[in-house]
Structures are given as C-alpha cells and as structure tokens.
Amino acid sequence: MKASSHLTLAIFMTALCAGAGAGAAELTRAQVIAEFHAARLHGDIQVGESSLTLRERFPQLYPAATQPAVALSRARVKAELESARRNGDLAHQITGERLNERYPQLYLRQPQGLGKTRAQVQAELAEARRTGDLEVDESGLTLYERFPGRYADARAQQEARSAASSSSL
C-alpha cells in the first residue's frame, strides 16, 4: 500500500513538473494527435530499439521537403490512396520497397506511354516483309541475311529514302 502511494505521488509530481515547464503551451488532444500524424508523415518517429527515426532508416520514403504541402480534399486523398493500392505504389512495411517492385507478379505493368496504332504496326510489318527484316526461324537470321539477293533492291530503295529524309532535315 505504501509503495503504490509513493509511486502515485511520484507520477503526480512528474506530471506537475512537466505541466509547469510547459506553462501556457498546453495542447489539446486534437493538437497532439495532429502533431503525431505530422511527425509520422515526415518520418520523425523513432522505431524499434534503435534510436533511428523512420526518415533515417528509410530515407528513400521521406525525400527532403522542397515544396510546401498543398491541402487536398478528403475525396482526392482517398482516390490517390486507392490508386496507389491498385498499382502497388505503397511501401512494404519492413523493407520500404514499393510493393509492385517487391511482388511484381501481383500487379499489372504500368503502360510505358502511347503505343502505335494498328495501321502503324501493319505498315511496319509490310516494310519489314518488303526489306527482309523478318526472322526466318530459331537461328535468329533475317530473310535478308539468308537471301540477300532477293531483298537487295528493296534495301537500296529504303536506304535512298532514309538518306533523302535525313538530308532534308
């Protein structure tokens, strides 16, 4: 009984001293929660038994802030989070790698840009047939390499067109 009252008194005195040191700078619960979320967002929280912060352990996840944060609507943030989940752009909890890098088989590949139209692909195929740039079999040789005499005229015409177009530039 006596030990617990001493412990209670010590805790009360510690809290009283800490409160006196803070003075008028008392924070509300909402302010403390907001500061915690800001610290977590910026990686200023210590994790594990080491004294390293998240920013120090995973610097690639917390780049230096060069721009002021822009306030986003709740709907926009939710939409961006859902997009990041779908694409695997969230960080792995332990390694800090993006999930689509760690588990590529679980996520669709991102498009590399605008592809060619069907007409463009067909035109390229017709040109490759004409000039012998198609592979014949597993050997990796093209038709031109196997039968150079058949495609010599087409190659000469192609080289003349490419020389004319490069000289006009």
C-alpha atoms as a PDB file:
ATOM      1  CA  MET A   1       0.000   0.000   0.000  1.00  0.00           C
ATOM      2  CA  LYS A   2       2.759   2.372   0.940  1.00  0.00           C
ATOM      3  CA  ALA A   3       4.752   1.567  -2.248  1.00  0.00           C
ATOM      4  CA  SER A   4       1.780   2.246  -4.504  1.00  0.00           C
ATOM      5  CA  SER A   5       1.086   5.592  -2.817  1.00  0.00           C
ATOM      6  CA  HIS A   6       4.746   6.574  -3.301  1.00  0.00           C
ATOM      7  CA  LEU A   7       4.509   5.566  -6.974  1.00  0.00           C
ATOM      8  CA  THR A   8       1.300   7.565  -7.401  1.00  0.00           C
ATOM      9  CA  LEU A   9       2.890  10.576  -5.728  1.00  0.00           C
ATOM     10  CA  ALA A  10       5.980  10.290  -7.962  1.00  0.00           C
ATOM     11  CA  ILE A  11       3.849  10.102 -11.103  1.00  0.00           C
ATOM     12  CA  PHE A  12       1.759  13.076  -9.934  1.00  0.00           C
ATOM     13  CA  MET A  13       4.870  15.161  -9.178  1.00  0.00           C
ATOM     14  CA  THR A  14       6.398  14.276 -12.565  1.00  0.00           C
ATOM     15  CA  ALA A  15       3.226  15.314 -14.330  1.00  0.00           C
ATOM     16  CA  LEU A  16       3.008  18.501 -12.285  1.00  0.00           C
ATOM     17  CA  CYS A  17       6.629  19.435 -13.077  1.00  0.00           C
ATOM     18  CA  ALA A  18       6.157  18.673 -16.748  1.00  0.00           C
ATOM     19  CA  GLY A  19       2.993  20.739 -16.805  1.00  0.00           C
ATOM     20  CA  ALA A  20       4.693  23.641 -15.039  1.00  0.00           C
ATOM     21  CA  GLY A  21       7.526  23.557 -17.556  1.00  0.00           C
ATOM     22  CA  ALA A  22       5.079  23.747 -20.414  1.00  0.00           C
ATOM     23  CA  GLY A  23       3.279  26.693 -18.865  1.00  0.00           C
ATOM     24  CA  ALA A  24       0.601  28.110 -21.113  1.00  0.00           C
ATOM     25  CA  ALA A  25       1.617  25.871 -24.010  1.00  0.00           C
ATOM     26  CA  GLU A  26      -0.808  23.098 -23.109  1.00  0.00           C
ATOM     27  CA  LEU A  27      -2.011  21.213 -26.115  1.00  0.00           C
ATOM     28  CA  THR A  28      -5.432  19.807 -26.683  1.00  0.00           C
ATOM     29  CA  ARG A  29      -5.905  16.167 -27.564  1.00  0.00           C
ATOM     30  CA  ALA A  30      -6.638  17.107 -31.173  1.00  0.00           C
ATOM     31  CA  GLN A  31      -3.418  19.136 -31.392  1.00  0.00           C
ATOM     32  CA  VAL A  32      -1.358  16.243 -30.006  1.00  0.00           C
ATOM     33  CA  ILE A  33      -2.941  13.849 -32.499  1.00  0.00           C
ATOM     34  CA  ALA A  34      -2.279  16.285 -35.356  1.00  0.00           C
ATOM     35  CA  GLU A  35       1.371  16.651 -34.291  1.00  0.00           C
ATOM     36  CA  PHE A  36       1.723  12.869 -34.095  1.00  0.00           C
ATOM     37  CA  HIS A  37       0.318  12.422 -37.606  1.00  0.00           C
ATOM     38  CA  ALA A  38       2.610  15.164 -38.947  1.00  0.00           C
ATOM     39  CA  ALA A  39       5.640  13.524 -37.300  1.00  0.00           C
ATOM     40  CA  ARG A  40       4.677  10.139 -38.740  1.00  0.00           C
ATOM     41  CA  LEU A  41       4.159  11.672 -42.180  1.00  0.00           C
ATOM     42  CA  HIS A  42       7.598  13.307 -42.093  1.00  0.00           C
ATOM     43  CA  GLY A  43       9.331  10.256 -40.590  1.00  0.00           C
ATOM     44  CA  ASP A  44      10.236  11.923 -37.304  1.00  0.00           C
ATOM     45  CA  ILE A  45       9.157   8.978 -35.127  1.00  0.00           C
ATOM     46  CA  GLN A  46      11.692   6.595 -33.606  1.00  0.00           C
ATOM     47  CA  VAL A  47      11.095   2.940 -34.343  1.00  0.00           C
ATOM     48  CA  GLY A  48      12.394  -0.237 -32.799  1.00  0.00           C
ATOM     49  CA  GLU A  49      15.119  -0.486 -30.226  1.00  0.00           C
ATOM     50  CA  SER A  50      17.488   1.744 -32.145  1.00  0.00           C
ATOM     51  CA  SER A  51      17.295   5.485 -31.797  1.00  0.00           C
ATOM     52  CA  LEU A  52      16.843   5.916 -35.543  1.00  0.00           C
ATOM     53  CA  THR A  53      13.800   7.681 -36.901  1.00  0.00           C
ATOM     54  CA  LEU A  54      11.804   6.427 -39.852  1.00  0.00           C
ATOM     55  CA  ARG A  55      13.428   9.117 -42.009  1.00  0.00           C
ATOM     56  CA  GLU A  56      16.892   7.860 -41.032  1.00  0.00           C
ATOM     57  CA  ARG A  57      16.020   4.178 -41.601  1.00  0.00           C
ATOM     58  CA  PHE A  58      14.186   4.700 -44.911  1.00  0.00           C
ATOM     59  CA  PRO A  59      15.435   7.946 -46.494  1.00  0.00           C
ATOM     60  CA  GLN A  60      14.007   6.984 -49.905  1.00  0.00           C
ATOM     61  CA  LEU A  61      10.489   7.175 -48.428  1.00  0.00           C
ATOM     62  CA  TYR A  62      10.934  10.634 -46.953  1.00  0.00           C
ATOM     63  CA  PRO A  63      12.517  12.966 -49.514  1.00  0.00           C
ATOM     64  CA  ALA A  64      13.503  16.426 -48.403  1.00  0.00           C
ATOM     65  CA  ALA A  65      10.526  18.743 -48.468  1.00  0.00           C
ATOM     66  CA  THR A  66      11.218  21.360 -51.116  1.00  0.00           C
ATOM     67  CA  GLN A  67       7.656  22.467 -51.707  1.00  0.00           C
ATOM     68  CA  PRO A  68       5.036  23.480 -49.195  1.00  0.00           C
ATOM     69  CA  ALA A  69       2.307  20.888 -48.742  1.00  0.00           C
ATOM     70  CA  VAL A  70      -0.851  21.533 -50.696  1.00  0.00           C
ATOM     71  CA  ALA A  71      -4.115  20.857 -48.922  1.00  0.00           C
ATOM     72  CA  LEU A  72      -6.054  18.118 -50.682  1.00  0.00           C
ATOM     73  CA  SER A  73      -9.682  17.245 -50.301  1.00  0.00           C
ATOM     74  CA  ARG A  74     -10.616  14.066 -48.479  1.00  0.00           C
ATOM     75  CA  ALA A  75     -12.053  12.574 -51.659  1.00  0.00           C
ATOM     76  CA  ARG A  76      -8.855  13.276 -53.600  1.00  0.00           C
ATOM     77  CA  VAL A  77      -6.687  11.708 -50.908  1.00  0.00           C
ATOM     78  CA  LYS A  78      -8.918   8.616 -50.817  1.00  0.00           C
ATOM     79  CA  ALA A  79      -8.781   8.350 -54.616  1.00  0.00           C
ATOM     80  CA  GLU A  80      -4.970   8.639 -54.621  1.00  0.00           C
ATOM     81  CA  LEU A  81      -4.684   6.012 -51.868  1.00  0.00           C
ATOM     82  CA  GLU A  82      -6.918   3.593 -53.787  1.00  0.00           C
ATOM     83  CA  SER A  83      -4.880   4.188 -56.943  1.00  0.00           C
ATOM     84  CA  ALA A  84      -1.642   3.526 -55.040  1.00  0.00           C
ATOM     85  CA  ARG A  85      -3.092   0.300 -53.612  1.00  0.00           C
ATOM     86  CA  ARG A  86      -4.193  -0.868 -57.059  1.00  0.00           C
ATOM     87  CA  ASN A  87      -0.824  -0.055 -58.656  1.00  0.00           C
ATOM     88  CA  GLY A  88       1.315  -1.326 -55.757  1.00  0.00           C
ATOM     89  CA  ASP A  89       2.874   2.086 -55.121  1.00  0.00           C
ATOM     90  CA  LEU A  90       2.664   1.689 -51.353  1.00  0.00           C
ATOM     91  CA  ALA A  91       5.806   0.909 -49.363  1.00  0.00           C
ATOM     92  CA  HIS A  92       6.459  -2.514 -47.844  1.00  0.00           C
ATOM     93  CA  GLN A  93       6.294  -2.196 -44.050  1.00  0.00           C
ATOM     94  CA  ILE A  94       9.652  -3.829 -43.355  1.00  0.00           C
ATOM     95  CA  THR A  95      11.908  -3.182 -46.337  1.00  0.00           C
ATOM     96  CA  GLY A  96      10.461   0.103 -47.561  1.00  0.00           C
ATOM     97  CA  GLU A  97      10.385  -1.161 -51.161  1.00  0.00           C
ATOM     98  CA  ARG A  98       7.344  -0.399 -53.258  1.00  0.00           C
ATOM     99  CA  LEU A  99       5.008  -3.385 -53.329  1.00  0.00           C
ATOM    100  CA  ASN A 100       4.970  -3.541 -57.140  1.00  0.00           C
ATOM    101  CA  GLU A 101       8.779  -3.844 -57.087  1.00  0.00           C
ATOM    102  CA  ARG A 102       8.799  -6.490 -54.352  1.00  0.00           C
ATOM    103  CA  TYR A 103       5.876  -8.528 -55.761  1.00  0.00           C
ATOM    104  CA  PRO A 104       5.687  -7.696 -59.495  1.00  0.00           C
ATOM    105  CA  GLN A 105       3.546 -10.756 -60.272  1.00  0.00           C
ATOM    106  CA  LEU A 106       0.671  -9.292 -58.220  1.00  0.00           C
ATOM    107  CA  TYR A 107       0.384  -6.003 -60.116  1.00  0.00           C
ATOM    108  CA  LEU A 108      -0.225  -5.068 -63.724  1.00  0.00           C
ATOM    109  CA  ARG A 109       2.672  -3.456 -65.506  1.00  0.00           C
ATOM    110  CA  GLN A 110       2.373   0.272 -65.981  1.00  0.00           C
ATOM    111  CA  PRO A 111       1.947   1.388 -69.580  1.00  0.00           C
ATOM    112  CA  GLN A 112       5.159   2.848 -70.979  1.00  0.00           C
ATOM    113  CA  GLY A 113       3.415   5.526 -72.988  1.00  0.00           C
ATOM    114  CA  LEU A 114       1.309   5.762 -76.066  1.00  0.00           C
ATOM    115  CA  GLY A 115       1.602   2.735 -78.278  1.00  0.00           C
ATOM    116  CA  LYS A 116       1.418   2.566 -82.017  1.00  0.00           C
ATOM    117  CA  THR A 117      -1.839   2.398 -83.890  1.00  0.00           C
ATOM    118  CA  ARG A 118      -2.873  -0.733 -85.712  1.00  0.00           C
ATOM    119  CA  ALA A 119      -2.218   0.973 -89.039  1.00  0.00           C
ATOM    120  CA  GLN A 120       1.333   1.929 -87.981  1.00  0.00           C
ATOM    121  CA  VAL A 121       2.112  -1.640 -86.906  1.00  0.00           C
ATOM    122  CA  GLN A 122       0.733  -3.046 -90.142  1.00  0.00           C
ATOM    123  CA  ALA A 123       2.779  -0.538 -92.182  1.00  0.00           C
ATOM    124  CA  GLU A 124       5.948  -1.526 -90.278  1.00  0.00           C
ATOM    125  CA  LEU A 125       5.209  -5.212 -90.855  1.00  0.00           C
ATOM    126  CA  ALA A 126       4.700  -4.643 -94.588  1.00  0.00           C
ATOM    127  CA  GLU A 127       8.004  -2.712 -94.768  1.00  0.00           C
ATOM    128  CA  ALA A 128       9.819  -5.482 -92.840  1.00  0.00           C
ATOM    129  CA  ARG A 129       8.444  -8.090 -95.243  1.00  0.00           C
ATOM    130  CA  ARG A 130       9.482  -5.994 -98.234  1.00  0.00           C
ATOM    131  CA  THR A 131      13.045  -5.427 -96.984  1.00  0.00           C
ATOM    132  CA  GLY A 132      13.573  -8.883 -95.443  1.00  0.00           C
ATOM    133  CA  ASP A 133      13.800  -7.783 -91.814  1.00  0.00           C
ATOM    134  CA  LEU A 134      11.718 -10.706 -90.522  1.00  0.00           C
ATOM    135  CA  GLU A 135      13.391 -13.558 -88.669  1.00  0.00           C
ATOM    136  CA  VAL A 136      13.237 -16.873 -90.511  1.00  0.00           C
ATOM    137  CA  ASP A 137      13.459 -19.420 -87.703  1.00  0.00           C
ATOM    138  CA  GLU A 138      15.136 -20.107 -84.365  1.00  0.00           C
ATOM    139  CA  SER A 139      18.558 -19.313 -85.816  1.00  0.00           C
ATOM    140  CA  GLY A 140      17.863 -15.604 -85.430  1.00  0.00           C
ATOM    141  CA  LEU A 141      18.755 -14.866 -89.066  1.00  0.00           C
ATOM    142  CA  THR A 142      16.544 -12.486 -91.034  1.00  0.00           C
ATOM    143  CA  LEU A 143      15.282 -13.149 -94.530  1.00  0.00           C
ATOM    144  CA  TYR A 144      17.744 -10.552 -95.835  1.00  0.00           C
ATOM    145  CA  GLU A 145      20.650 -12.343 -94.163  1.00  0.00           C
ATOM    146  CA  ARG A 146      19.577 -15.724 -95.579  1.00  0.00           C
ATOM    147  CA  PHE A 147      18.681 -14.491 -99.086  1.00  0.00           C
ATOM    148  CA  PRO A 148      20.431 -11.139 -99.672  1.00  0.00           C
ATOM    149  CA  GLY A 149      19.836 -11.191-103.449  1.00  0.00           C
ATOM    150  CA  ARG A 150      16.036 -11.175-103.058  1.00  0.00           C
ATOM    151  CA  TYR A 151      15.962  -8.051-100.899  1.00  0.00           C
ATOM    152  CA  ALA A 152      18.860  -6.019-102.343  1.00  0.00           C
ATOM    153  CA  ASP A 153      16.620  -3.713-104.425  1.00  0.00           C
ATOM    154  CA  ALA A 154      14.215  -3.079-101.529  1.00  0.00           C
ATOM    155  CA  ARG A 155      17.138  -2.312 -99.194  1.00  0.00           C
ATOM    156  CA  ALA A 156      18.655   0.112-101.705  1.00  0.00           C
ATOM    157  CA  GLN A 157      15.331   1.938-102.025  1.00  0.00           C
ATOM    158  CA  GLN A 158      14.944   2.081 -98.251  1.00  0.00           C
ATOM    159  CA  GLU A 159      18.469   3.493 -97.808  1.00  0.00           C
ATOM    160  CA  ALA A 160      17.845   6.095-100.532  1.00  0.00           C
ATOM    161  CA  ARG A 161      14.624   7.227 -98.776  1.00  0.00           C
ATOM    162  CA  SER A 162      16.305   7.451 -95.380  1.00  0.00           C
ATOM    163  CA  ALA A 163      19.254   9.409 -96.887  1.00  0.00           C
ATOM    164  CA  ALA A 164      16.841  11.821 -98.598  1.00  0.00           C
ATOM    165  CA  SER A 165      14.822  12.360 -95.425  1.00  0.00           C
ATOM    166  CA  SER A 166      17.936  12.936 -93.287  1.00  0.00           C
ATOM    167  CA  SER A 167      19.393  15.430 -95.775  1.00  0.00           C
ATOM    168  CA  SER A 168      16.139  17.431 -95.847  1.00  0.00           C
ATOM    169  CA  LEU A 169      16.320  17.917 -92.076  1.00  0.00           C
END
